[in-house]
């Protein structure tokens, strides 16, 4: 992306199955990609070269993620285990048993100590790999996705029954708040934290709207129109708390921002009006 617009830099080829996930390294020089029940590949982002392939005989990978220092990678495996790898492809550790599902998000806390994964349809595993302690978030409904807050203190859990639950995971696991209003009947819809001090929760929705709630009160503060298809996921800009991106089945990505930056001076419960400032 430059003054002349957007251009294709590399086409990374090598996977034999559909690619289910992609993850930037902490230093943004490398990419991890995961084929559906296939292998994880590590790529040089500047050259497009494949640097390593992570695979296990007779098994397939289902998810991937980086350690915070970029020295190791983690992968979910279709035998429901989680593996930890050296960058050169040597497996360092494997946590066997019911640790992950074939379709699951995989997160590692910023201190590198906890691995978080959906381990059963209605449960999330928080595995402390140093203390060797396991904790579980138990829900009554099927879990479709989750998102970890930047400070590692909260987890957003998306459920099949069109609710998003906020869990405190710092000490004792505690359900803090519930968010309702968005629509989800057929697809996996993803949500995220964002705004000043991550004081808001945003979510996609099958009714083509982007929903934003106040994290603390659970109040719905905005339902943003603009897309013409289901909004599958949203991502809040990590450095600009007034900017949000949404991706939709209408084949567009919309970037949302405050129409007037002075609006940020409003009370945090108010959250100003949002406008799409571009479209794709």
C-alpha atoms as a PDB file:
ATOM      1  CA  UNK A   1       0.000   0.000   0.000  1.00  0.00           C
ATOM      2  CA  UNK A   2       1.535   3.339  -1.058  1.00  0.00           C
ATOM      3  CA  UNK A   3       0.652   6.597  -2.777  1.00  0.00           C
ATOM      4  CA  UNK A   4      -0.147   4.646  -5.937  1.00  0.00           C
ATOM      5  CA  UNK A   5      -2.694   2.404  -4.193  1.00  0.00           C
ATOM      6  CA  UNK A   6      -2.730  -1.292  -3.339  1.00  0.00           C
ATOM      7  CA  UNK A   7      -0.828  -3.930  -5.302  1.00  0.00           C
ATOM      8  CA  UNK A   8      -0.261  -7.664  -4.930  1.00  0.00           C
ATOM      9  CA  UNK A   9       3.222  -8.258  -3.472  1.00  0.00           C
ATOM     10  CA  UNK A  10       3.326 -12.056  -3.237  1.00  0.00           C
ATOM     11  CA  UNK A  11       1.177 -15.078  -3.953  1.00  0.00           C
ATOM     12  CA  UNK A  12       2.072 -17.731  -1.384  1.00  0.00           C
ATOM     13  CA  UNK A  13       1.529 -21.166  -2.930  1.00  0.00           C
ATOM     14  CA  UNK A  14       2.185 -24.567  -1.410  1.00  0.00           C
ATOM     15  CA  UNK A  15      -0.872 -25.631   0.563  1.00  0.00           C
ATOM     16  CA  UNK A  16      -2.761 -28.604  -0.864  1.00  0.00           C
ATOM     17  CA  UNK A  17      -5.924 -27.868   1.137  1.00  0.00           C
ATOM     18  CA  UNK A  18      -7.974 -24.672   1.683  1.00  0.00           C
ATOM     19  CA  UNK A  19      -6.186 -22.193   3.966  1.00  0.00           C
ATOM     20  CA  UNK A  20      -8.141 -21.631   7.183  1.00  0.00           C
ATOM     21  CA  UNK A  21      -5.973 -19.129   9.062  1.00  0.00           C
ATOM     22  CA  UNK A  22      -3.138 -16.645   8.696  1.00  0.00           C
ATOM     23  CA  UNK A  23      -1.125 -14.989  11.473  1.00  0.00           C
ATOM     24  CA  UNK A  24       1.555 -12.252  11.390  1.00  0.00           C
ATOM     25  CA  UNK A  25       4.683 -12.708  13.487  1.00  0.00           C
ATOM     26  CA  UNK A  26       5.186 -10.206  16.347  1.00  0.00           C
ATOM     27  CA  UNK A  27       7.935  -8.446  14.350  1.00  0.00           C
ATOM     28  CA  UNK A  28       5.699  -8.452  11.200  1.00  0.00           C
ATOM     29  CA  UNK A  29       8.479 -10.022   9.078  1.00  0.00           C
ATOM     30  CA  UNK A  30       6.882 -13.466   8.785  1.00  0.00           C
ATOM     31  CA  UNK A  31       3.511 -15.144   8.315  1.00  0.00           C
ATOM     32  CA  UNK A  32       2.049 -18.414   9.542  1.00  0.00           C
ATOM     33  CA  UNK A  33      -0.636 -20.113   7.464  1.00  0.00           C
ATOM     34  CA  UNK A  34      -2.655 -23.236   8.245  1.00  0.00           C
ATOM     35  CA  UNK A  35      -4.274 -25.538   5.711  1.00  0.00           C
ATOM     36  CA  UNK A  36      -7.495 -27.294   6.724  1.00  0.00           C
ATOM     37  CA  UNK A  37      -6.324 -30.482   8.484  1.00  0.00           C
ATOM     38  CA  UNK A  38      -3.057 -30.223   6.558  1.00  0.00           C
ATOM     39  CA  UNK A  39       0.199 -28.442   7.518  1.00  0.00           C
ATOM     40  CA  UNK A  40       1.310 -25.106   8.968  1.00  0.00           C
ATOM     41  CA  UNK A  41       3.719 -23.090   6.818  1.00  0.00           C
ATOM     42  CA  UNK A  42       5.985 -20.211   7.844  1.00  0.00           C
ATOM     43  CA  UNK A  43       6.721 -17.577   5.194  1.00  0.00           C
ATOM     44  CA  UNK A  44       9.115 -14.670   4.756  1.00  0.00           C
ATOM     45  CA  UNK A  45       6.783 -11.726   4.188  1.00  0.00           C
ATOM     46  CA  UNK A  46       9.272  -9.687   2.143  1.00  0.00           C
ATOM     47  CA  UNK A  47      10.373 -12.419  -0.282  1.00  0.00           C
ATOM     48  CA  UNK A  48       7.368 -14.776  -0.216  1.00  0.00           C
ATOM     49  CA  UNK A  49       9.687 -17.727   0.453  1.00  0.00           C
ATOM     50  CA  UNK A  50       8.400 -20.651   2.532  1.00  0.00           C
ATOM     51  CA  UNK A  51      10.833 -20.988   5.451  1.00  0.00           C
ATOM     52  CA  UNK A  52       9.456 -24.026   7.302  1.00  0.00           C
ATOM     53  CA  UNK A  53       6.675 -26.597   7.192  1.00  0.00           C
ATOM     54  CA  UNK A  54       5.210 -27.986  10.424  1.00  0.00           C
ATOM     55  CA  UNK A  55       3.556 -31.397  10.121  1.00  0.00           C
ATOM     56  CA  UNK A  56       2.914 -34.628  11.990  1.00  0.00           C
ATOM     57  CA  UNK A  57       2.724 -38.025  10.275  1.00  0.00           C
ATOM     58  CA  UNK A  58      -0.842 -39.166   9.772  1.00  0.00           C
ATOM     59  CA  UNK A  59      -2.299 -36.014  11.370  1.00  0.00           C
ATOM     60  CA  UNK A  60      -3.403 -32.571  10.188  1.00  0.00           C
ATOM     61  CA  UNK A  61      -3.110 -29.082  11.649  1.00  0.00           C
ATOM     62  CA  UNK A  62      -6.249 -27.068  12.403  1.00  0.00           C
ATOM     63  CA  UNK A  63      -4.960 -23.758  13.869  1.00  0.00           C
ATOM     64  CA  UNK A  64      -1.746 -21.837  14.454  1.00  0.00           C
ATOM     65  CA  UNK A  65      -0.323 -18.975  16.498  1.00  0.00           C
ATOM     66  CA  UNK A  66       2.923 -17.281  17.546  1.00  0.00           C
ATOM     67  CA  UNK A  67       4.543 -17.008  20.945  1.00  0.00           C
ATOM     68  CA  UNK A  68       4.740 -13.315  21.956  1.00  0.00           C
ATOM     69  CA  UNK A  69       8.518 -13.194  21.368  1.00  0.00           C
ATOM     70  CA  UNK A  70       8.228 -14.915  17.983  1.00  0.00           C
ATOM     71  CA  UNK A  71      10.622 -17.720  19.006  1.00  0.00           C
ATOM     72  CA  UNK A  72       8.075 -20.563  18.918  1.00  0.00           C
ATOM     73  CA  UNK A  73       4.820 -21.399  17.242  1.00  0.00           C
ATOM     74  CA  UNK A  74       1.793 -23.303  18.471  1.00  0.00           C
ATOM     75  CA  UNK A  75      -0.596 -25.428  16.467  1.00  0.00           C
ATOM     76  CA  UNK A  76      -3.839 -27.247  17.079  1.00  0.00           C
ATOM     77  CA  UNK A  77      -3.881 -30.781  15.684  1.00  0.00           C
ATOM     78  CA  UNK A  78      -6.859 -32.823  14.469  1.00  0.00           C
ATOM     79  CA  UNK A  79      -6.266 -35.484  17.134  1.00  0.00           C
ATOM     80  CA  UNK A  80      -7.370 -32.683  19.541  1.00  0.00           C
ATOM     81  CA  UNK A  81      -3.845 -32.070  20.890  1.00  0.00           C
ATOM     82  CA  UNK A  82      -1.832 -28.820  20.887  1.00  0.00           C
ATOM     83  CA  UNK A  83       1.834 -28.753  19.815  1.00  0.00           C
ATOM     84  CA  UNK A  84       4.627 -26.248  20.445  1.00  0.00           C
ATOM     85  CA  UNK A  85       7.399 -25.967  17.823  1.00  0.00           C
ATOM     86  CA  UNK A  86      10.852 -24.501  17.332  1.00  0.00           C
ATOM     87  CA  UNK A  87      10.961 -22.260  14.264  1.00  0.00           C
ATOM     88  CA  UNK A  88      13.101 -24.859  12.452  1.00  0.00           C
ATOM     89  CA  UNK A  89      10.236 -27.379  12.667  1.00  0.00           C
ATOM     90  CA  UNK A  90      11.308 -29.398  15.713  1.00  0.00           C
ATOM     91  CA  UNK A  91       8.416 -30.208  18.040  1.00  0.00           C
ATOM     92  CA  UNK A  92       9.208 -29.065  21.592  1.00  0.00           C
ATOM     93  CA  UNK A  93       6.119 -30.185  23.467  1.00  0.00           C
ATOM     94  CA  UNK A  94       2.724 -31.736  22.862  1.00  0.00           C
ATOM     95  CA  UNK A  95      -0.311 -31.506  25.127  1.00  0.00           C
ATOM     96  CA  UNK A  96      -2.395 -34.584  24.326  1.00  0.00           C
ATOM     97  CA  UNK A  97      -6.028 -35.254  25.106  1.00  0.00           C
ATOM     98  CA  UNK A  98      -9.100 -33.096  24.564  1.00  0.00           C
ATOM     99  CA  UNK A  99      -7.230 -29.780  24.069  1.00  0.00           C
ATOM    100  CA  UNK A 100      -8.726 -28.378  20.880  1.00  0.00           C
ATOM    101  CA  UNK A 101     -11.356 -28.957  18.196  1.00  0.00           C
ATOM    102  CA  UNK A 102     -11.039 -29.220  14.427  1.00  0.00           C
ATOM    103  CA  UNK A 103     -12.431 -25.693  14.147  1.00  0.00           C
ATOM    104  CA  UNK A 104     -11.060 -23.540  16.951  1.00  0.00           C
ATOM    105  CA  UNK A 105      -9.382 -20.231  17.601  1.00  0.00           C
ATOM    106  CA  UNK A 106      -5.972 -20.448  19.283  1.00  0.00           C
ATOM    107  CA  UNK A 107      -4.588 -17.638  21.463  1.00  0.00           C
ATOM    108  CA  UNK A 108      -1.422 -17.250  23.538  1.00  0.00           C
ATOM    109  CA  UNK A 109      -1.297 -14.632  26.295  1.00  0.00           C
ATOM    110  CA  UNK A 110       1.299 -11.870  25.889  1.00  0.00           C
ATOM    111  CA  UNK A 111       3.469 -13.321  28.676  1.00  0.00           C
ATOM    112  CA  UNK A 112       3.599 -16.609  26.741  1.00  0.00           C
ATOM    113  CA  UNK A 113       2.323 -18.604  29.703  1.00  0.00           C
ATOM    114  CA  UNK A 114      -1.262 -19.488  28.776  1.00  0.00           C
ATOM    115  CA  UNK A 115      -2.588 -21.250  25.691  1.00  0.00           C
ATOM    116  CA  UNK A 116      -6.314 -20.752  25.061  1.00  0.00           C
ATOM    117  CA  UNK A 117      -8.383 -23.003  22.798  1.00  0.00           C
ATOM    118  CA  UNK A 118     -11.907 -24.360  22.383  1.00  0.00           C
ATOM    119  CA  UNK A 119     -11.525 -27.890  23.766  1.00  0.00           C
ATOM    120  CA  UNK A 120     -15.163 -29.022  23.612  1.00  0.00           C
ATOM    121  CA  UNK A 121     -18.224 -27.597  21.885  1.00  0.00           C
ATOM    122  CA  UNK A 122     -19.259 -25.805  25.083  1.00  0.00           C
ATOM    123  CA  UNK A 123     -15.894 -25.295  26.827  1.00  0.00           C
ATOM    124  CA  UNK A 124     -12.700 -23.259  26.457  1.00  0.00           C
ATOM    125  CA  UNK A 125      -9.398 -24.516  27.856  1.00  0.00           C
ATOM    126  CA  UNK A 126      -6.938 -22.123  29.514  1.00  0.00           C
ATOM    127  CA  UNK A 127      -3.707 -24.108  29.783  1.00  0.00           C
ATOM    128  CA  UNK A 128      -0.897 -22.667  31.918  1.00  0.00           C
ATOM    129  CA  UNK A 129       2.056 -24.394  30.303  1.00  0.00           C
ATOM    130  CA  UNK A 130       4.515 -23.382  33.041  1.00  0.00           C
ATOM    131  CA  UNK A 131       2.420 -24.158  36.132  1.00  0.00           C
ATOM    132  CA  UNK A 132       0.822 -27.109  34.295  1.00  0.00           C
ATOM    133  CA  UNK A 133      -2.606 -25.980  35.481  1.00  0.00           C
ATOM    134  CA  UNK A 134      -5.766 -26.261  33.391  1.00  0.00           C
ATOM    135  CA  UNK A 135      -8.869 -24.100  33.805  1.00  0.00           C
ATOM    136  CA  UNK A 136     -12.100 -24.283  31.840  1.00  0.00           C
ATOM    137  CA  UNK A 137     -14.772 -21.795  30.822  1.00  0.00           C
ATOM    138  CA  UNK A 138     -18.022 -23.764  30.665  1.00  0.00           C
ATOM    139  CA  UNK A 139     -20.983 -22.502  28.625  1.00  0.00           C
ATOM    140  CA  UNK A 140     -24.484 -23.935  28.102  1.00  0.00           C
ATOM    141  CA  UNK A 141     -24.381 -23.177  24.361  1.00  0.00           C
ATOM    142  CA  UNK A 142     -22.013 -24.164  21.543  1.00  0.00           C
ATOM    143  CA  UNK A 143     -19.001 -21.823  21.332  1.00  0.00           C
ATOM    144  CA  UNK A 144     -18.223 -20.591  17.810  1.00  0.00           C
ATOM    145  CA  UNK A 145     -15.225 -18.278  18.405  1.00  0.00           C
ATOM    146  CA  UNK A 146     -13.456 -16.204  21.052  1.00  0.00           C
ATOM    147  CA  UNK A 147     -11.189 -13.170  21.347  1.00  0.00           C
ATOM    148  CA  UNK A 148      -8.575 -12.274  24.000  1.00  0.00           C
ATOM    149  CA  UNK A 149      -8.266  -8.717  25.340  1.00  0.00           C
ATOM    150  CA  UNK A 150      -4.940  -6.917  24.921  1.00  0.00           C
ATOM    151  CA  UNK A 151      -4.294  -6.933  28.686  1.00  0.00           C
ATOM    152  CA  UNK A 152      -4.999 -10.726  28.908  1.00  0.00           C
ATOM    153  CA  UNK A 153      -7.686 -10.110  31.531  1.00  0.00           C
ATOM    154  CA  UNK A 154     -10.844 -10.800  29.519  1.00  0.00           C
ATOM    155  CA  UNK A 155     -12.164 -13.203  26.929  1.00  0.00           C
ATOM    156  CA  UNK A 156     -15.038 -12.533  24.511  1.00  0.00           C
ATOM    157  CA  UNK A 157     -16.930 -15.736  23.770  1.00  0.00           C
ATOM    158  CA  UNK A 158     -19.307 -15.964  20.788  1.00  0.00           C
ATOM    159  CA  UNK A 159     -22.156 -18.456  21.164  1.00  0.00           C
ATOM    160  CA  UNK A 160     -24.522 -20.279  18.843  1.00  0.00           C
ATOM    161  CA  UNK A 161     -27.557 -18.664  20.513  1.00  0.00           C
ATOM    162  CA  UNK A 162     -26.648 -15.148  19.253  1.00  0.00           C
ATOM    163  CA  UNK A 163     -25.052 -13.992  22.493  1.00  0.00           C
ATOM    164  CA  UNK A 164     -21.537 -12.775  23.217  1.00  0.00           C
ATOM    165  CA  UNK A 165     -20.265 -13.385  26.749  1.00  0.00           C
ATOM    166  CA  UNK A 166     -17.496 -11.440  28.470  1.00  0.00           C
ATOM    167  CA  UNK A 167     -15.435 -13.547  30.891  1.00  0.00           C
ATOM    168  CA  UNK A 168     -12.879 -12.304  33.400  1.00  0.00           C
ATOM    169  CA  UNK A 169      -9.933 -14.748  33.327  1.00  0.00           C
ATOM    170  CA  UNK A 170      -7.432 -12.893  35.524  1.00  0.00           C
ATOM    171  CA  UNK A 171      -8.005 -14.875  38.737  1.00  0.00           C
ATOM    172  CA  UNK A 172     -11.198 -16.851  39.227  1.00  0.00           C
ATOM    173  CA  UNK A 173     -13.120 -17.342  35.989  1.00  0.00           C
ATOM    174  CA  UNK A 174     -16.200 -15.132  36.098  1.00  0.00           C
ATOM    175  CA  UNK A 175     -18.945 -14.245  33.605  1.00  0.00           C
ATOM    176  CA  UNK A 176     -19.018 -10.445  33.625  1.00  0.00           C
ATOM    177  CA  UNK A 177     -21.431  -9.319  30.908  1.00  0.00           C
ATOM    178  CA  UNK A 178     -23.609 -10.424  27.981  1.00  0.00           C
ATOM    179  CA  UNK A 179     -24.122  -8.665  24.631  1.00  0.00           C
ATOM    180  CA  UNK A 180     -27.210  -9.221  22.462  1.00  0.00           C
ATOM    181  CA  UNK A 181     -28.738  -7.814  19.294  1.00  0.00           C
ATOM    182  CA  UNK A 182     -26.572  -9.112  16.458  1.00  0.00           C
ATOM    183  CA  UNK A 183     -27.796 -11.933  14.186  1.00  0.00           C
ATOM    184  CA  UNK A 184     -26.083 -15.312  13.747  1.00  0.00           C
ATOM    185  CA  UNK A 185     -27.873 -18.360  12.333  1.00  0.00           C
ATOM    186  CA  UNK A 186     -25.586 -19.930   9.713  1.00  0.00           C
ATOM    187  CA  UNK A 187     -22.030 -18.585   9.854  1.00  0.00           C
ATOM    188  CA  UNK A 188     -19.202 -18.078  12.320  1.00  0.00           C
ATOM    189  CA  UNK A 189     -19.329 -14.404  13.289  1.00  0.00           C
ATOM    190  CA  UNK A 190     -16.333 -12.860  15.073  1.00  0.00           C
ATOM    191  CA  UNK A 191     -16.196 -10.081  17.631  1.00  0.00           C
ATOM    192  CA  UNK A 192     -13.398  -7.976  19.123  1.00  0.00           C
ATOM    193  CA  UNK A 193     -12.438  -5.500  21.826  1.00  0.00           C
ATOM    194  CA  UNK A 194     -11.609  -1.914  20.899  1.00  0.00           C
ATOM    195  CA  UNK A 195     -11.853   1.804  21.474  1.00  0.00           C
ATOM    196  CA  UNK A 196     -10.095   3.824  24.162  1.00  0.00           C
ATOM    197  CA  UNK A 197      -8.761   1.379  26.750  1.00  0.00           C
ATOM    198  CA  UNK A 198     -10.706  -1.336  24.866  1.00  0.00           C
ATOM    199  CA  UNK A 199     -13.891   0.022  26.478  1.00  0.00           C
ATOM    200  CA  UNK A 200     -16.094  -1.268  23.644  1.00  0.00           C
ATOM    201  CA  UNK A 201     -17.055  -4.583  22.071  1.00  0.00           C
ATOM    202  CA  UNK A 202     -17.760  -4.853  18.335  1.00  0.00           C
ATOM    203  CA  UNK A 203     -19.225  -7.710  16.327  1.00  0.00           C
ATOM    204  CA  UNK A 204     -20.201  -8.632  12.817  1.00  0.00           C
ATOM    205  CA  UNK A 205     -23.735  -9.823  12.088  1.00  0.00           C
ATOM    206  CA  UNK A 206     -25.672 -11.678   9.407  1.00  0.00           C
ATOM    207  CA  UNK A 207     -28.068  -8.714   8.999  1.00  0.00           C
ATOM    208  CA  UNK A 208     -25.215  -6.723   7.346  1.00  0.00           C
ATOM    209  CA  UNK A 209     -24.733  -4.400  10.345  1.00  0.00           C
ATOM    210  CA  UNK A 210     -21.717  -3.798  12.586  1.00  0.00           C
ATOM    211  CA  UNK A 211     -22.742  -3.795  16.258  1.00  0.00           C
ATOM    212  CA  UNK A 212     -20.912  -1.891  18.996  1.00  0.00           C
ATOM    213  CA  UNK A 213     -21.634  -2.210  22.714  1.00  0.00           C
ATOM    214  CA  UNK A 214     -20.175  -0.489  25.750  1.00  0.00           C
ATOM    215  CA  UNK A 215     -18.076  -3.192  27.382  1.00  0.00           C
ATOM    216  CA  UNK A 216     -18.861  -2.260  30.969  1.00  0.00           C
ATOM    217  CA  UNK A 217     -22.619  -1.694  30.770  1.00  0.00           C
ATOM    218  CA  UNK A 218     -23.539  -4.055  27.922  1.00  0.00           C
ATOM    219  CA  UNK A 219     -25.503  -1.204  26.305  1.00  0.00           C
ATOM    220  CA  UNK A 220     -25.775  -1.295  22.505  1.00  0.00           C
ATOM    221  CA  UNK A 221     -24.438   2.076  21.360  1.00  0.00           C
ATOM    222  CA  UNK A 222     -24.289   1.669  17.551  1.00  0.00           C
ATOM    223  CA  UNK A 223     -25.558  -0.600  14.761  1.00  0.00           C
ATOM    224  CA  UNK A 224     -23.699   0.608  11.676  1.00  0.00           C
ATOM    225  CA  UNK A 225     -25.315   0.151   8.237  1.00  0.00           C
ATOM    226  CA  UNK A 226     -23.329   0.072   5.003  1.00  0.00           C
ATOM    227  CA  UNK A 227     -22.597  -3.536   4.052  1.00  0.00           C
ATOM    228  CA  UNK A 228     -24.972  -5.438   1.765  1.00  0.00           C
ATOM    229  CA  UNK A 229     -24.074  -8.934   3.016  1.00  0.00           C
ATOM    230  CA  UNK A 230     -23.308 -10.728   6.272  1.00  0.00           C
ATOM    231  CA  UNK A 231     -20.459  -9.123   8.227  1.00  0.00           C
ATOM    232  CA  UNK A 232     -18.199 -12.036   9.163  1.00  0.00           C
ATOM    233  CA  UNK A 233     -15.609 -10.332  11.335  1.00  0.00           C
ATOM    234  CA  UNK A 234     -14.476  -7.008  12.726  1.00  0.00           C
ATOM    235  CA  UNK A 235     -11.042  -5.782  13.801  1.00  0.00           C
ATOM    236  CA  UNK A 236     -10.318  -2.637  15.792  1.00  0.00           C
ATOM    237  CA  UNK A 237      -7.185  -0.704  14.874  1.00  0.00           C
ATOM    238  CA  UNK A 238      -4.595  -1.494  17.623  1.00  0.00           C
ATOM    239  CA  UNK A 239      -3.045   1.992  17.554  1.00  0.00           C
ATOM    240  CA  UNK A 240      -5.986   4.210  16.554  1.00  0.00           C
ATOM    241  CA  UNK A 241      -8.878   3.679  19.000  1.00  0.00           C
ATOM    242  CA  UNK A 242     -11.244   5.578  16.666  1.00  0.00           C
ATOM    243  CA  UNK A 243     -10.853   3.217  13.684  1.00  0.00           C
ATOM    244  CA  UNK A 244     -12.536  -0.124  13.008  1.00  0.00           C
ATOM    245  CA  UNK A 245     -12.490  -2.488  10.004  1.00  0.00           C
ATOM    246  CA  UNK A 246     -15.272  -4.892   8.991  1.00  0.00           C
ATOM    247  CA  UNK A 247     -15.219  -7.702   6.396  1.00  0.00           C
ATOM    248  CA  UNK A 248     -18.363  -8.905   4.647  1.00  0.00           C
ATOM    249  CA  UNK A 249     -19.842 -11.427   2.245  1.00  0.00           C
ATOM    250  CA  UNK A 250     -20.485  -8.440  -0.042  1.00  0.00           C
ATOM    251  CA  UNK A 251     -16.740  -8.740  -0.907  1.00  0.00           C
ATOM    252  CA  UNK A 252     -15.833  -5.417   0.670  1.00  0.00           C
ATOM    253  CA  UNK A 253     -13.899  -4.334   3.726  1.00  0.00           C
ATOM    254  CA  UNK A 254     -15.147  -1.107   5.282  1.00  0.00           C
ATOM    255  CA  UNK A 255     -13.063   1.210   7.436  1.00  0.00           C
ATOM    256  CA  UNK A 256     -15.023   3.115  10.079  1.00  0.00           C
ATOM    257  CA  UNK A 257     -13.906   6.209  11.997  1.00  0.00           C
ATOM    258  CA  UNK A 258     -15.214   9.147  13.986  1.00  0.00           C
ATOM    259  CA  UNK A 259     -16.654  11.895  11.784  1.00  0.00           C
ATOM    260  CA  UNK A 260     -15.037  14.441  14.112  1.00  0.00           C
ATOM    261  CA  UNK A 261     -12.106  13.591  16.364  1.00  0.00           C
ATOM    262  CA  UNK A 262     -13.377  16.119  18.899  1.00  0.00           C
ATOM    263  CA  UNK A 263     -16.120  13.584  19.556  1.00  0.00           C
ATOM    264  CA  UNK A 264     -13.576  11.561  21.510  1.00  0.00           C
ATOM    265  CA  UNK A 265     -13.878  14.169  24.250  1.00  0.00           C
ATOM    266  CA  UNK A 266     -17.429  13.017  24.884  1.00  0.00           C
ATOM    267  CA  UNK A 267     -18.152  10.837  27.877  1.00  0.00           C
ATOM    268  CA  UNK A 268     -16.879   7.324  27.215  1.00  0.00           C
ATOM    269  CA  UNK A 269     -20.423   6.002  27.645  1.00  0.00           C
ATOM    270  CA  UNK A 270     -21.584   8.107  24.706  1.00  0.00           C
ATOM    271  CA  UNK A 271     -19.213   6.878  21.990  1.00  0.00           C
ATOM    272  CA  UNK A 272     -19.993   9.533  19.303  1.00  0.00           C
ATOM    273  CA  UNK A 273     -21.415   8.738  15.874  1.00  0.00           C
ATOM    274  CA  UNK A 274     -19.456   6.493  13.498  1.00  0.00           C
ATOM    275  CA  UNK A 275     -19.341   6.820   9.735  1.00  0.00           C
ATOM    276  CA  UNK A 276     -17.834   4.679   7.018  1.00  0.00           C
ATOM    277  CA  UNK A 277     -15.038   6.710   5.472  1.00  0.00           C
ATOM    278  CA  UNK A 278     -14.454   4.855   2.262  1.00  0.00           C
ATOM    279  CA  UNK A 279     -16.073   1.521   1.643  1.00  0.00           C
ATOM    280  CA  UNK A 280     -13.487  -0.915   0.337  1.00  0.00           C
END
